Amino acid sequence: MAAALQVDVQQCSISVQALFFCAPNEPARSCEAGWNLPAALQQLQQRGPNLPTAACLPYKPDFFGFSTVDTLCRGSCNSPSPHAGRGKFSSQQITSLWKAQWHIRQHGAVVARFDVYSDFDSFFADKRNAQAVYRPSASAYFQFYHAITLVGYNNERQYWLAKNSYGSSWADNGLFKVAYGVCAIMAADKGEAFGIVWTPSSTPAAQQLPVTPGPRPGCHWYKVRRIAAVYIQGASFVYCLAA
C-alpha cells in the first residue's frame, strides 16, 4: 500500500486488533482459539478499506477470551484508515520459494503457516539467539499450528526473515530468522502461504525528487525518503547527466 501510494509505510499500518477481534456478526475470537489464514484474508478483503489504523486501535491480545468485544474494540478513534479505502485488497496462494521471494520484492510480505516445535520458545528465550537462524532440533516435536509473516529472505544463508506476533520485545525486535524448508513453511503437502496485494483505485501521480548540484559539473545528488520499510530506509544516490 505504501509503495503504491508513495507514502510513508507508517501511515498505512491498519489495525490487526480490529481485523481479528472486532468483526461484526462474527463469534468472539481469542488468541487461544486462533484463526485460519483463508478466513482471515477473506475478512481483510471485505473489511480492509474500513479498518482503523493501528495508531487508533493498537494490538492488545486477549489470550484466553476473557475480555469483552467492547473492551477489545474501543480505540482512540473510529475513523477508517485514510489510505486503505483508496483501493482494495486481494490475495493469492503461494506454493514455491521463488514465487514468495518475487512477491516480497514486488508487493511486500507473505503470510504463512508455521508449525511450532517444542524447542522454538527456548531457542529464542536465549538472547544470544536473537539473530540466529532457527531450525528445529532432531529431538524437537510438533506442538501447534501458528502463522507468521515473511518479510525478507537470504538465499546465501538460506533463511527467511519473519515477523512474529509476540511483540517487539521478543527475539530481534519481534523479527526472527528461520531456515528454508522447515516448520511446514510452504510445504507442498500441508503448507499454507498467501501473498497479499493492495491495488489502488487510481494511480497516483509520480513525484519529482528534489536534486542538489554535486561536487562535479553535470552531477547531482538526490535523497530518497522511506516508502517501503523492507527496501528503502532512507539513502542518498548520485546520477550524472550525459555530456
Protein backbone atom coordinates (compact mmCIF):
# COMPACT_ATOMS: atom_id res chain seq x y z
CA MET A 1 0.00 0.00 0.00
CA ALA A 2 2.77 2.44 0.94
CA ALA A 3 4.74 1.78 -2.24
CA ALA A 4 1.64 2.04 -4.44
CA LEU A 5 0.58 5.36 -2.90
CA GLN A 6 4.13 6.71 -2.47
CA VAL A 7 3.63 7.48 1.22
CA ASP A 8 5.48 6.51 4.39
CA VAL A 9 4.81 2.92 5.44
CA GLN A 10 3.90 4.04 8.98
CA GLN A 11 0.87 5.84 7.57
CA CYS A 12 -0.50 2.60 6.13
CA SER A 13 -0.50 0.34 9.19
CA ILE A 14 -4.07 -0.89 9.63
CA SER A 15 -5.32 -2.29 12.94
CA VAL A 16 -4.72 -6.01 13.41
CA GLN A 17 -6.76 -5.71 16.61
CA ALA A 18 -9.81 -4.55 14.64
CA LEU A 19 -9.39 -7.24 11.99
CA PHE A 20 -9.15 -10.12 14.46
CA PHE A 21 -11.33 -9.17 17.42
CA CYS A 22 -13.86 -6.71 16.01
CA ALA A 23 -15.59 -8.42 13.09
CA PRO A 24 -19.33 -7.63 13.11
CA ASN A 25 -21.72 -10.58 13.30
CA GLU A 26 -18.86 -12.99 13.97
CA PRO A 27 -18.25 -15.24 17.01
CA ALA A 28 -15.87 -13.82 19.62
CA ARG A 29 -12.24 -14.76 18.98
CA SER A 30 -9.25 -15.30 21.25
CA CYS A 31 -5.57 -15.95 20.69
CA GLU A 32 -6.02 -19.42 22.18
CA ALA A 33 -8.65 -20.36 19.58
CA GLY A 34 -6.76 -18.71 16.72
CA TRP A 35 -7.90 -18.20 13.14
CA ASN A 36 -7.10 -19.86 9.82
CA LEU A 37 -5.41 -17.92 7.05
CA PRO A 38 -8.09 -18.18 4.31
CA ALA A 39 -10.78 -16.87 6.68
CA ALA A 40 -8.55 -14.02 7.85
CA LEU A 41 -7.74 -13.00 4.30
CA GLN A 42 -11.40 -13.08 3.33
CA GLN A 43 -12.15 -10.67 6.18
CA LEU A 44 -9.28 -8.43 5.10
CA GLN A 45 -10.65 -8.22 1.57
CA GLN A 46 -14.16 -7.47 2.82
CA ARG A 47 -13.36 -5.09 5.69
CA GLY A 48 -9.86 -3.82 4.92
CA PRO A 49 -10.90 -0.44 3.46
CA ASN A 50 -12.96 0.32 6.59
CA LEU A 51 -10.46 -0.76 9.25
CA PRO A 52 -8.94 1.91 11.52
CA THR A 53 -5.23 2.50 11.72
CA ALA A 54 -3.01 0.68 14.20
CA ALA A 55 -2.47 4.01 15.96
CA CYS A 56 -6.23 4.30 16.55
CA LEU A 57 -6.60 0.74 17.84
CA PRO A 58 -3.25 -0.87 18.72
CA TYR A 59 -2.79 -4.60 19.20
CA LYS A 60 -3.60 -5.76 22.74
CA PRO A 61 -4.19 -9.51 22.55
CA ASP A 62 -6.77 -11.42 24.55
CA PHE A 63 -5.15 -14.81 25.03
CA PHE A 64 -8.00 -16.73 26.65
CA GLY A 65 -11.19 -14.93 25.63
CA PHE A 66 -11.82 -13.22 28.97
CA SER A 67 -12.19 -9.69 27.56
CA THR A 68 -15.40 -8.34 26.07
CA VAL A 69 -15.66 -7.16 22.47
CA ASP A 70 -16.43 -3.67 23.74
CA THR A 71 -13.17 -3.61 25.69
CA LEU A 72 -11.10 -5.04 22.86
CA CYS A 73 -12.54 -2.77 20.18
CA ARG A 74 -12.58 0.57 21.98
CA GLY A 75 -9.91 2.74 20.40
CA SER A 76 -8.85 6.36 20.48
CA CYS A 77 -10.61 6.98 17.15
CA ASN A 78 -13.04 5.12 14.93
CA SER A 79 -12.41 6.59 11.51
CA PRO A 80 -11.04 4.18 8.88
CA SER A 81 -7.52 4.41 7.53
CA PRO A 82 -7.30 7.32 5.08
CA HIS A 83 -5.26 5.18 2.70
CA ALA A 84 -6.77 1.67 2.82
CA GLY A 85 -10.06 2.93 1.40
CA ARG A 86 -8.32 4.23 -1.72
CA GLY A 87 -8.00 0.72 -3.13
CA LYS A 88 -8.79 -2.92 -2.48
CA PHE A 89 -7.05 -5.97 -1.03
CA SER A 90 -6.67 -9.31 -2.77
CA SER A 91 -4.63 -12.43 -2.07
CA GLN A 92 -3.14 -15.36 -3.93
CA GLN A 93 -1.83 -18.68 -2.69
CA ILE A 94 1.92 -19.16 -2.96
CA THR A 95 3.44 -22.63 -3.19
CA SER A 96 7.06 -22.07 -4.21
CA LEU A 97 10.07 -20.36 -2.72
CA TRP A 98 10.83 -18.26 -5.79
CA LYS A 99 7.23 -17.02 -6.06
CA ALA A 100 7.29 -15.98 -2.38
CA GLN A 101 10.53 -14.08 -2.92
CA TRP A 102 9.13 -12.39 -6.02
CA HIS A 103 6.02 -11.34 -4.10
CA ILE A 104 8.09 -9.88 -1.25
CA ARG A 105 10.07 -7.81 -3.76
CA GLN A 106 7.07 -6.67 -5.78
CA HIS A 107 4.29 -6.28 -3.22
CA GLY A 108 5.52 -6.89 0.33
CA ALA A 109 5.10 -9.56 2.96
CA VAL A 110 3.76 -13.11 2.61
CA VAL A 111 1.67 -14.66 5.40
CA ALA A 112 2.46 -18.31 6.01
CA ARG A 113 1.61 -21.28 8.17
CA PHE A 114 4.29 -22.08 10.71
CA ASP A 115 4.44 -25.31 12.73
CA VAL A 116 5.75 -24.57 16.22
CA TYR A 117 8.10 -27.20 17.67
CA SER A 118 8.97 -27.87 21.28
CA ASP A 119 12.33 -26.06 21.17
CA PHE A 120 11.08 -22.87 19.49
CA ASP A 121 10.36 -20.85 22.64
CA SER A 122 13.52 -21.94 24.43
CA PHE A 123 15.67 -21.19 21.37
CA PHE A 124 14.63 -17.54 21.31
CA ALA A 125 14.45 -17.23 25.09
CA ASP A 126 18.25 -17.30 24.86
CA LYS A 127 19.11 -13.70 23.93
CA ARG A 128 22.22 -14.92 22.14
CA ASN A 129 19.95 -16.48 19.52
CA ALA A 130 18.03 -13.28 18.74
CA GLN A 131 19.63 -13.07 15.28
CA ALA A 132 20.43 -16.76 14.83
CA VAL A 133 18.74 -18.90 12.17
CA TYR A 134 16.20 -21.26 13.74
CA ARG A 135 15.97 -24.92 12.75
CA PRO A 136 14.07 -27.42 14.92
CA SER A 137 16.46 -29.85 16.57
CA ALA A 138 16.30 -33.56 15.78
CA SER A 139 14.65 -34.25 19.14
CA ALA A 140 12.05 -31.46 18.89
CA TYR A 141 8.42 -32.44 18.39
CA PHE A 142 5.43 -30.63 16.88
CA GLN A 143 3.27 -28.65 19.32
CA PHE A 144 0.77 -26.47 17.46
CA TYR A 145 -0.04 -24.56 14.29
CA HIS A 146 0.85 -20.88 14.06
CA ALA A 147 1.08 -18.13 11.43
CA ILE A 148 3.92 -15.74 10.66
CA THR A 149 4.69 -13.02 8.14
CA LEU A 150 7.66 -13.46 5.79
CA VAL A 151 9.16 -10.01 5.22
CA GLY A 152 12.55 -10.84 3.72
CA TYR A 153 14.96 -13.61 2.78
CA ASN A 154 18.63 -14.51 2.38
CA ASN A 155 19.48 -17.01 -0.35
CA GLU A 156 23.16 -17.11 0.57
CA ARG A 157 22.44 -18.30 4.12
CA GLN A 158 19.14 -19.99 3.19
CA TYR A 159 16.70 -18.38 5.61
CA TRP A 160 13.51 -16.34 5.78
CA LEU A 161 13.28 -13.13 7.80
CA ALA A 162 9.91 -13.37 9.55
CA LYS A 163 7.75 -11.22 11.77
CA ASN A 164 6.05 -12.94 14.69
CA SER A 165 3.03 -11.80 16.70
CA TYR A 166 4.76 -11.96 20.10
CA GLY A 167 5.56 -8.25 20.35
CA SER A 168 8.67 -6.15 19.78
CA SER A 169 10.43 -7.38 22.94
CA TRP A 170 10.66 -10.93 21.55
CA ALA A 171 13.73 -12.16 19.61
CA ASP A 172 15.13 -9.42 17.33
CA ASN A 173 12.55 -6.64 17.90
CA GLY A 174 9.76 -9.06 17.01
CA LEU A 175 11.58 -10.48 13.98
CA PHE A 176 13.37 -13.81 13.63
CA LYS A 177 15.20 -15.91 11.06
CA VAL A 178 14.03 -19.39 10.12
CA ALA A 179 15.72 -21.80 7.72
CA TYR A 180 14.23 -22.71 4.38
CA GLY A 181 12.32 -25.99 4.27
CA VAL A 182 11.37 -26.32 7.95
CA CYS A 183 8.23 -25.86 10.06
CA ALA A 184 5.92 -26.56 7.09
CA ILE A 185 6.55 -23.14 5.54
CA MET A 186 5.13 -23.59 2.02
CA ALA A 187 5.34 -27.37 2.33
CA ALA A 188 3.76 -28.92 -0.77
CA ASP A 189 1.57 -31.35 1.18
CA LYS A 190 0.34 -29.12 4.01
CA GLY A 191 1.82 -25.66 3.79
CA GLU A 192 -0.30 -22.54 3.55
CA ALA A 193 1.17 -19.28 2.29
CA PHE A 194 -0.55 -16.30 0.74
CA GLY A 195 0.65 -13.10 -0.83
CA ILE A 196 -1.44 -10.00 -0.16
CA VAL A 197 -1.81 -7.35 -2.84
CA TRP A 198 -3.32 -3.90 -2.42
CA THR A 199 -4.41 -2.27 -5.68
CA PRO A 200 -5.15 1.48 -5.73
CA SER A 201 -8.35 2.68 -7.36
CA SER A 202 -6.30 5.20 -9.33
CA THR A 203 -2.57 5.51 -9.92
CA PRO A 204 -1.03 8.44 -8.01
CA ALA A 205 0.98 10.98 -9.94
CA ALA A 206 4.71 10.34 -9.93
CA GLN A 207 6.58 12.57 -7.50
CA GLN A 208 9.58 14.60 -8.61
CA LEU A 209 12.64 14.13 -6.41
CA PRO A 210 14.47 17.31 -5.37
CA VAL A 211 18.07 17.40 -6.61
CA THR A 212 21.16 19.21 -5.36
CA PRO A 213 24.13 20.08 -7.59
CA GLY A 214 27.02 17.71 -6.91
CA PRO A 215 30.72 18.49 -6.49
CA ARG A 216 31.43 17.85 -10.19
CA PRO A 217 29.83 19.61 -13.16
CA GLY A 218 26.96 17.58 -14.59
CA CYS A 219 26.45 15.53 -11.40
CA HIS A 220 23.56 15.92 -8.97
CA TRP A 221 22.58 14.39 -5.62
CA TYR A 222 19.09 13.40 -4.65
CA LYS A 223 17.66 11.90 -1.48
CA VAL A 224 15.06 9.17 -1.28
CA ARG A 225 12.58 9.14 1.58
CA ARG A 226 11.37 5.85 3.03
CA ILE A 227 8.35 4.44 1.18
CA ALA A 228 8.74 0.73 1.91
CA ALA A 229 10.34 -0.42 5.14
CA VAL A 230 11.91 -3.57 3.70
CA TYR A 231 13.75 -2.00 0.78
CA ILE A 232 14.39 1.72 1.27
CA GLN A 233 15.29 3.06 4.68
CA GLY A 234 16.44 6.50 3.52
CA ALA A 235 19.53 6.78 1.35
CA SER A 236 21.47 9.13 -0.92
CA PHE A 237 22.21 8.45 -4.58
CA VAL A 238 24.13 10.28 -7.28
CA TYR A 239 23.50 10.44 -11.01
CA CYS A 240 25.40 12.20 -13.76
CA LEU A 241 23.90 13.89 -16.79
CA ALA A 242 25.28 12.86 -20.14
CA ALA A 243 27.56 15.42 -21.66
